[in-house]
Amino acid sequence: MLSVYCSGSIAKGSADQKKICWTDLERKDVQQGAGDLEVVFLNPDDPIPDATNILGQFGRDMFQVMTATAVIVDARERRGIGIGVEMAAAATLGTPLIVVAPRNSLYRQDRLEYRDTVVANYVHPHVASLATCVVDDFVMAGAELAKLPTSTGPRHDPPWLTAALAEYEENVLSVDRPMVEALRKLGREV
């Protein structure tokens, strides 16, 4: 069984209705690409019981990044600081990072004129440096997910992450129903 942290924009309100976000279609495509392996999706859209607990919310996102078999980033359009932090955290925690950036989109271009230079097969430097792989679509992301090794080495939490993880694990996790259910599906008890 595999798990995926669905990194991408979250529709926070009516102003975000035109953003491309993770939906059941993207999850279905990842599952299709993963074949017979069951995929549990860790969804940052699921609310935590106390929305005012900002450190707990950040801790939840980081806990999900840390728990996931891989983080799949929806990079079909411009993304913000949150996705960048999730990518850096995944790389720091040793969680594989699969980036969906279609050819000739913002973060991946066949040809880019940049600072008086033409770059062929351009991938944004932050994406190229952090990603385990960059793929065209979510089916391909699922196929790459299925190829990942199932075991990871020891985890080393960086100091900037420790307080958020502790807040989430000590004060939020036990009442975070979607996450508790996901952990049960993955065979991990809270």
C-alpha atoms as a PDB file:
ATOM      1  CA  MET A   1       0.000   0.000   0.000  1.00  0.00           C
ATOM      2  CA  LEU A   2       1.265   3.444  -0.954  1.00  0.00           C
ATOM      3  CA  SER A   3       0.408   6.918   0.276  1.00  0.00           C
ATOM      4  CA  VAL A   4       0.550  10.256  -1.511  1.00  0.00           C
ATOM      5  CA  TYR A   5       0.552  13.771  -0.128  1.00  0.00           C
ATOM      6  CA  CYS A   6      -1.445  15.816  -2.660  1.00  0.00           C
ATOM      7  CA  SER A   7       0.555  19.034  -2.931  1.00  0.00           C
ATOM      8  CA  GLY A   8      -1.073  21.830  -4.893  1.00  0.00           C
ATOM      9  CA  SER A   9      -3.306  24.828  -4.481  1.00  0.00           C
ATOM     10  CA  ILE A  10      -6.157  24.677  -2.015  1.00  0.00           C
ATOM     11  CA  ALA A  11      -9.357  26.545  -2.833  1.00  0.00           C
ATOM     12  CA  LYS A  12      -9.540  28.773   0.258  1.00  0.00           C
ATOM     13  CA  GLY A  13     -12.514  30.822  -0.894  1.00  0.00           C
ATOM     14  CA  SER A  14     -14.515  32.144  -3.826  1.00  0.00           C
ATOM     15  CA  ALA A  15     -11.493  33.994  -5.256  1.00  0.00           C
ATOM     16  CA  ASP A  16      -9.755  30.641  -5.745  1.00  0.00           C
ATOM     17  CA  GLN A  17     -12.492  29.013  -7.845  1.00  0.00           C
ATOM     18  CA  LYS A  18     -10.477  29.346 -11.066  1.00  0.00           C
ATOM     19  CA  LYS A  19      -7.355  27.684  -9.647  1.00  0.00           C
ATOM     20  CA  ILE A  20      -6.475  24.221 -10.848  1.00  0.00           C
ATOM     21  CA  CYS A  21      -6.608  21.998  -7.759  1.00  0.00           C
ATOM     22  CA  TRP A  22      -6.434  18.302  -6.931  1.00  0.00           C
ATOM     23  CA  THR A  23      -9.777  16.576  -7.568  1.00  0.00           C
ATOM     24  CA  ASP A  24     -11.044  13.013  -7.697  1.00  0.00           C
ATOM     25  CA  LEU A  25      -9.931  12.932 -11.358  1.00  0.00           C
ATOM     26  CA  GLU A  26      -6.255  13.478 -10.465  1.00  0.00           C
ATOM     27  CA  ARG A  27      -6.472  10.908  -7.661  1.00  0.00           C
ATOM     28  CA  LYS A  28      -8.093   8.415 -10.081  1.00  0.00           C
ATOM     29  CA  ASP A  29      -5.290   8.991 -12.592  1.00  0.00           C
ATOM     30  CA  VAL A  30      -2.585   8.435  -9.950  1.00  0.00           C
ATOM     31  CA  GLN A  31      -4.322   5.220  -8.868  1.00  0.00           C
ATOM     32  CA  GLN A  32      -4.552   4.106 -12.506  1.00  0.00           C
ATOM     33  CA  GLY A  33      -0.835   4.701 -12.991  1.00  0.00           C
ATOM     34  CA  ALA A  34      -0.003   2.802  -9.788  1.00  0.00           C
ATOM     35  CA  GLY A  35      -1.804  -0.265 -11.141  1.00  0.00           C
ATOM     36  CA  ASP A  36      -2.767  -2.903  -8.584  1.00  0.00           C
ATOM     37  CA  LEU A  37      -1.074  -1.095  -5.695  1.00  0.00           C
ATOM     38  CA  GLU A  38      -3.603   0.630  -3.456  1.00  0.00           C
ATOM     39  CA  VAL A  39      -2.963   4.344  -2.913  1.00  0.00           C
ATOM     40  CA  VAL A  40      -4.094   6.275   0.174  1.00  0.00           C
ATOM     41  CA  PHE A  41      -4.313  10.010  -0.489  1.00  0.00           C
ATOM     42  CA  LEU A  42      -3.301  12.444   2.251  1.00  0.00           C
ATOM     43  CA  ASN A  43      -5.267  15.577   1.561  1.00  0.00           C
ATOM     44  CA  PRO A  44      -4.188  19.004   2.868  1.00  0.00           C
ATOM     45  CA  ASP A  45      -7.745  20.221   2.074  1.00  0.00           C
ATOM     46  CA  ASP A  46      -9.184  18.199   4.960  1.00  0.00           C
ATOM     47  CA  PRO A  47      -9.801  20.676   7.789  1.00  0.00           C
ATOM     48  CA  ILE A  48      -8.366  20.220  11.254  1.00  0.00           C
ATOM     49  CA  PRO A  49     -10.771  20.635  14.208  1.00  0.00           C
ATOM     50  CA  ASP A  50      -9.271  23.975  15.320  1.00  0.00           C
ATOM     51  CA  ALA A  51      -8.580  26.155  12.274  1.00  0.00           C
ATOM     52  CA  THR A  52      -7.030  28.815  14.516  1.00  0.00           C
ATOM     53  CA  ASN A  53      -4.160  26.469  15.469  1.00  0.00           C
ATOM     54  CA  ILE A  54      -1.766  27.716  12.796  1.00  0.00           C
ATOM     55  CA  LEU A  55       1.251  25.783  14.113  1.00  0.00           C
ATOM     56  CA  GLY A  56      -0.902  22.639  14.263  1.00  0.00           C
ATOM     57  CA  GLN A  57      -2.043  23.187  10.665  1.00  0.00           C
ATOM     58  CA  PHE A  58       1.531  23.562   9.481  1.00  0.00           C
ATOM     59  CA  GLY A  59       2.453  20.528  11.578  1.00  0.00           C
ATOM     60  CA  ARG A  60      -0.332  18.515   9.936  1.00  0.00           C
ATOM     61  CA  ASP A  61       0.901  19.356   6.449  1.00  0.00           C
ATOM     62  CA  MET A  62       4.468  18.455   7.435  1.00  0.00           C
ATOM     63  CA  PHE A  63       3.310  15.249   9.188  1.00  0.00           C
ATOM     64  CA  GLN A  64       1.539  14.229   5.994  1.00  0.00           C
ATOM     65  CA  VAL A  65       4.632  15.030   3.905  1.00  0.00           C
ATOM     66  CA  MET A  66       6.718  12.963   6.339  1.00  0.00           C
ATOM     67  CA  THR A  67       4.211  10.071   6.408  1.00  0.00           C
ATOM     68  CA  ALA A  68       3.676   9.814   2.645  1.00  0.00           C
ATOM     69  CA  THR A  69       5.360   7.296   0.382  1.00  0.00           C
ATOM     70  CA  ALA A  70       5.774  10.301  -1.932  1.00  0.00           C
ATOM     71  CA  VAL A  71       4.645  13.877  -2.402  1.00  0.00           C
ATOM     72  CA  ILE A  72       3.043  14.516  -5.781  1.00  0.00           C
ATOM     73  CA  VAL A  73       3.107  18.204  -6.703  1.00  0.00           C
ATOM     74  CA  ASP A  74       0.521  19.622  -9.077  1.00  0.00           C
ATOM     75  CA  ALA A  75       2.668  22.110 -10.998  1.00  0.00           C
ATOM     76  CA  ARG A  76       0.339  22.577 -13.969  1.00  0.00           C
ATOM     77  CA  GLU A  77       0.181  26.304 -13.172  1.00  0.00           C
ATOM     78  CA  ARG A  78       1.921  28.863 -10.945  1.00  0.00           C
ATOM     79  CA  ARG A  79       2.117  27.771  -7.324  1.00  0.00           C
ATOM     80  CA  GLY A  80       2.820  29.655  -4.127  1.00  0.00           C
ATOM     81  CA  ILE A  81       5.025  29.609  -1.091  1.00  0.00           C
ATOM     82  CA  GLY A  82       3.210  26.708   0.577  1.00  0.00           C
ATOM     83  CA  ILE A  83       4.005  24.294  -2.227  1.00  0.00           C
ATOM     84  CA  GLY A  84       7.628  25.448  -2.232  1.00  0.00           C
ATOM     85  CA  VAL A  85       7.890  24.772   1.494  1.00  0.00           C
ATOM     86  CA  GLU A  86       6.278  21.344   1.029  1.00  0.00           C
ATOM     87  CA  MET A  87       8.808  20.538  -1.687  1.00  0.00           C
ATOM     88  CA  ALA A  88      11.740  21.653   0.474  1.00  0.00           C
ATOM     89  CA  ALA A  89      10.363  19.710   3.450  1.00  0.00           C
ATOM     90  CA  ALA A  90       9.955  16.551   1.356  1.00  0.00           C
ATOM     91  CA  ALA A  91      13.550  16.815   0.164  1.00  0.00           C
ATOM     92  CA  THR A  92      14.743  17.499   3.725  1.00  0.00           C
ATOM     93  CA  LEU A  93      12.774  14.580   5.179  1.00  0.00           C
ATOM     94  CA  GLY A  94      13.780  12.182   2.419  1.00  0.00           C
ATOM     95  CA  THR A  95      10.251  11.803   1.036  1.00  0.00           C
ATOM     96  CA  PRO A  96      10.362  11.255  -2.738  1.00  0.00           C
ATOM     97  CA  LEU A  97       8.967  14.180  -4.731  1.00  0.00           C
ATOM     98  CA  ILE A  98       7.126  13.621  -8.014  1.00  0.00           C
ATOM     99  CA  VAL A  99       6.295  16.839  -9.871  1.00  0.00           C
ATOM    100  CA  VAL A 100       3.543  16.957 -12.494  1.00  0.00           C
ATOM    101  CA  ALA A 101       4.695  19.726 -14.839  1.00  0.00           C
ATOM    102  CA  PRO A 102       3.451  19.223 -18.387  1.00  0.00           C
ATOM    103  CA  ARG A 103       5.808  20.125 -21.225  1.00  0.00           C
ATOM    104  CA  ASN A 104       5.653  23.791 -22.180  1.00  0.00           C
ATOM    105  CA  SER A 105       4.028  24.850 -18.934  1.00  0.00           C
ATOM    106  CA  LEU A 106       5.421  27.483 -16.556  1.00  0.00           C
ATOM    107  CA  TYR A 107       7.910  25.215 -14.770  1.00  0.00           C
ATOM    108  CA  ARG A 108       8.972  23.107 -17.757  1.00  0.00           C
ATOM    109  CA  GLN A 109       9.585  24.329 -21.297  1.00  0.00           C
ATOM    110  CA  ASP A 110      11.117  22.844 -24.411  1.00  0.00           C
ATOM    111  CA  ARG A 111      12.765  26.200 -25.160  1.00  0.00           C
ATOM    112  CA  LEU A 112      13.165  29.210 -22.898  1.00  0.00           C
ATOM    113  CA  GLU A 113      14.825  32.510 -23.670  1.00  0.00           C
ATOM    114  CA  TYR A 114      16.223  33.705 -20.379  1.00  0.00           C
ATOM    115  CA  ARG A 115      18.770  36.426 -19.620  1.00  0.00           C
ATOM    116  CA  ASP A 116      20.020  36.618 -23.199  1.00  0.00           C
ATOM    117  CA  THR A 117      20.379  32.826 -23.356  1.00  0.00           C
ATOM    118  CA  VAL A 118      18.274  30.108 -24.926  1.00  0.00           C
ATOM    119  CA  VAL A 119      17.792  27.072 -22.699  1.00  0.00           C
ATOM    120  CA  ALA A 120      16.586  23.801 -24.224  1.00  0.00           C
ATOM    121  CA  ASN A 121      14.583  21.347 -22.084  1.00  0.00           C
ATOM    122  CA  TYR A 122      14.231  23.883 -19.286  1.00  0.00           C
ATOM    123  CA  VAL A 123      12.958  22.780 -15.879  1.00  0.00           C
ATOM    124  CA  HIS A 124      12.681  25.450 -13.178  1.00  0.00           C
ATOM    125  CA  PRO A 125      15.863  25.219 -11.064  1.00  0.00           C
ATOM    126  CA  HIS A 126      13.979  24.654  -7.778  1.00  0.00           C
ATOM    127  CA  VAL A 127      11.894  21.882  -9.336  1.00  0.00           C
ATOM    128  CA  ALA A 128      14.892  20.288 -11.042  1.00  0.00           C
ATOM    129  CA  SER A 129      16.962  20.392  -7.851  1.00  0.00           C
ATOM    130  CA  LEU A 130      14.349  19.009  -5.456  1.00  0.00           C
ATOM    131  CA  ALA A 131      12.261  16.603  -7.541  1.00  0.00           C
ATOM    132  CA  THR A 132      12.859  12.887  -7.669  1.00  0.00           C
ATOM    133  CA  CYS A 133      11.258  13.037 -11.113  1.00  0.00           C
ATOM    134  CA  VAL A 134       9.223  15.393 -13.304  1.00  0.00           C
ATOM    135  CA  VAL A 135       6.354  13.911 -15.323  1.00  0.00           C
ATOM    136  CA  ASP A 136       3.733  15.093 -17.814  1.00  0.00           C
ATOM    137  CA  ASP A 137       0.565  13.931 -16.056  1.00  0.00           C
ATOM    138  CA  PHE A 138      -0.932  12.187 -13.041  1.00  0.00           C
ATOM    139  CA  VAL A 139      -1.053   8.724 -14.648  1.00  0.00           C
ATOM    140  CA  MET A 140       2.710   8.971 -15.163  1.00  0.00           C
ATOM    141  CA  ALA A 141       3.047  10.182 -11.552  1.00  0.00           C
ATOM    142  CA  GLY A 142       1.252   7.031 -10.363  1.00  0.00           C
ATOM    143  CA  ALA A 143       3.548   4.846 -12.474  1.00  0.00           C
ATOM    144  CA  GLU A 144       6.611   6.525 -10.930  1.00  0.00           C
ATOM    145  CA  LEU A 145       5.055   6.164  -7.458  1.00  0.00           C
ATOM    146  CA  ALA A 146       4.734   2.412  -8.008  1.00  0.00           C
ATOM    147  CA  LYS A 147       8.467   2.176  -8.809  1.00  0.00           C
ATOM    148  CA  LEU A 148       9.621   3.777  -5.534  1.00  0.00           C
ATOM    149  CA  PRO A 149      11.309   1.645  -2.879  1.00  0.00           C
ATOM    150  CA  THR A 150       8.989   0.810   0.008  1.00  0.00           C
ATOM    151  CA  SER A 151      11.448   1.369   2.843  1.00  0.00           C
ATOM    152  CA  THR A 152      13.169   4.553   3.899  1.00  0.00           C
ATOM    153  CA  GLY A 153      16.133   5.277   6.101  1.00  0.00           C
ATOM    154  CA  PRO A 154      16.092   6.917   9.511  1.00  0.00           C
ATOM    155  CA  ARG A 155      14.318  10.258   9.748  1.00  0.00           C
ATOM    156  CA  HIS A 156      16.041  13.396  10.973  1.00  0.00           C
ATOM    157  CA  ASP A 157      13.650  16.258  11.684  1.00  0.00           C
ATOM    158  CA  PRO A 158      15.226  19.674  11.139  1.00  0.00           C
ATOM    159  CA  PRO A 159      14.838  22.152  14.005  1.00  0.00           C
ATOM    160  CA  TRP A 160      12.493  24.436  12.003  1.00  0.00           C
ATOM    161  CA  LEU A 161      10.053  21.540  11.734  1.00  0.00           C
ATOM    162  CA  THR A 162      10.239  20.022  15.226  1.00  0.00           C
ATOM    163  CA  ALA A 163       7.830  22.432  16.979  1.00  0.00           C
ATOM    164  CA  ALA A 164       5.165  22.120  14.275  1.00  0.00           C
ATOM    165  CA  LEU A 165       5.334  18.316  14.243  1.00  0.00           C
ATOM    166  CA  ALA A 166       5.169  18.185  18.048  1.00  0.00           C
ATOM    167  CA  GLU A 167       2.137  20.521  18.121  1.00  0.00           C
ATOM    168  CA  TYR A 168       0.325  18.415  15.553  1.00  0.00           C
ATOM    169  CA  GLU A 169       1.204  15.018  17.018  1.00  0.00           C
ATOM    170  CA  GLU A 170       0.492  16.041  20.633  1.00  0.00           C
ATOM    171  CA  ASN A 171      -2.568  18.293  20.226  1.00  0.00           C
ATOM    172  CA  VAL A 172      -4.249  17.689  16.874  1.00  0.00           C
ATOM    173  CA  LEU A 173      -3.585  14.223  15.448  1.00  0.00           C
ATOM    174  CA  SER A 174      -5.838  12.284  17.823  1.00  0.00           C
ATOM    175  CA  VAL A 175      -8.874  14.398  16.771  1.00  0.00           C
ATOM    176  CA  ASP A 176      -7.965  14.685  13.076  1.00  0.00           C
ATOM    177  CA  ARG A 177     -10.428  12.109  11.727  1.00  0.00           C
ATOM    178  CA  PRO A 178      -9.269  12.011   8.070  1.00  0.00           C
ATOM    179  CA  MET A 179      -5.637  11.558   9.115  1.00  0.00           C
ATOM    180  CA  VAL A 180      -6.441   8.933  11.766  1.00  0.00           C
ATOM    181  CA  GLU A 181      -8.413   6.997   9.124  1.00  0.00           C
ATOM    182  CA  ALA A 182      -5.567   7.308   6.596  1.00  0.00           C
ATOM    183  CA  LEU A 183      -3.073   6.010   9.162  1.00  0.00           C
ATOM    184  CA  ARG A 184      -5.344   3.057   9.940  1.00  0.00           C
ATOM    185  CA  LYS A 185      -5.568   2.200   6.225  1.00  0.00           C
ATOM    186  CA  LEU A 186      -1.768   2.292   6.129  1.00  0.00           C
ATOM    187  CA  GLY A 187      -1.579  -0.038   9.133  1.00  0.00           C
ATOM    188  CA  ARG A 188      -0.254   2.627  11.501  1.00  0.00           C
ATOM    189  CA  GLU A 189      -1.947   3.275  14.811  1.00  0.00           C
ATOM    190  CA  VAL A 190      -2.199   6.685  16.419  1.00  0.00           C
END
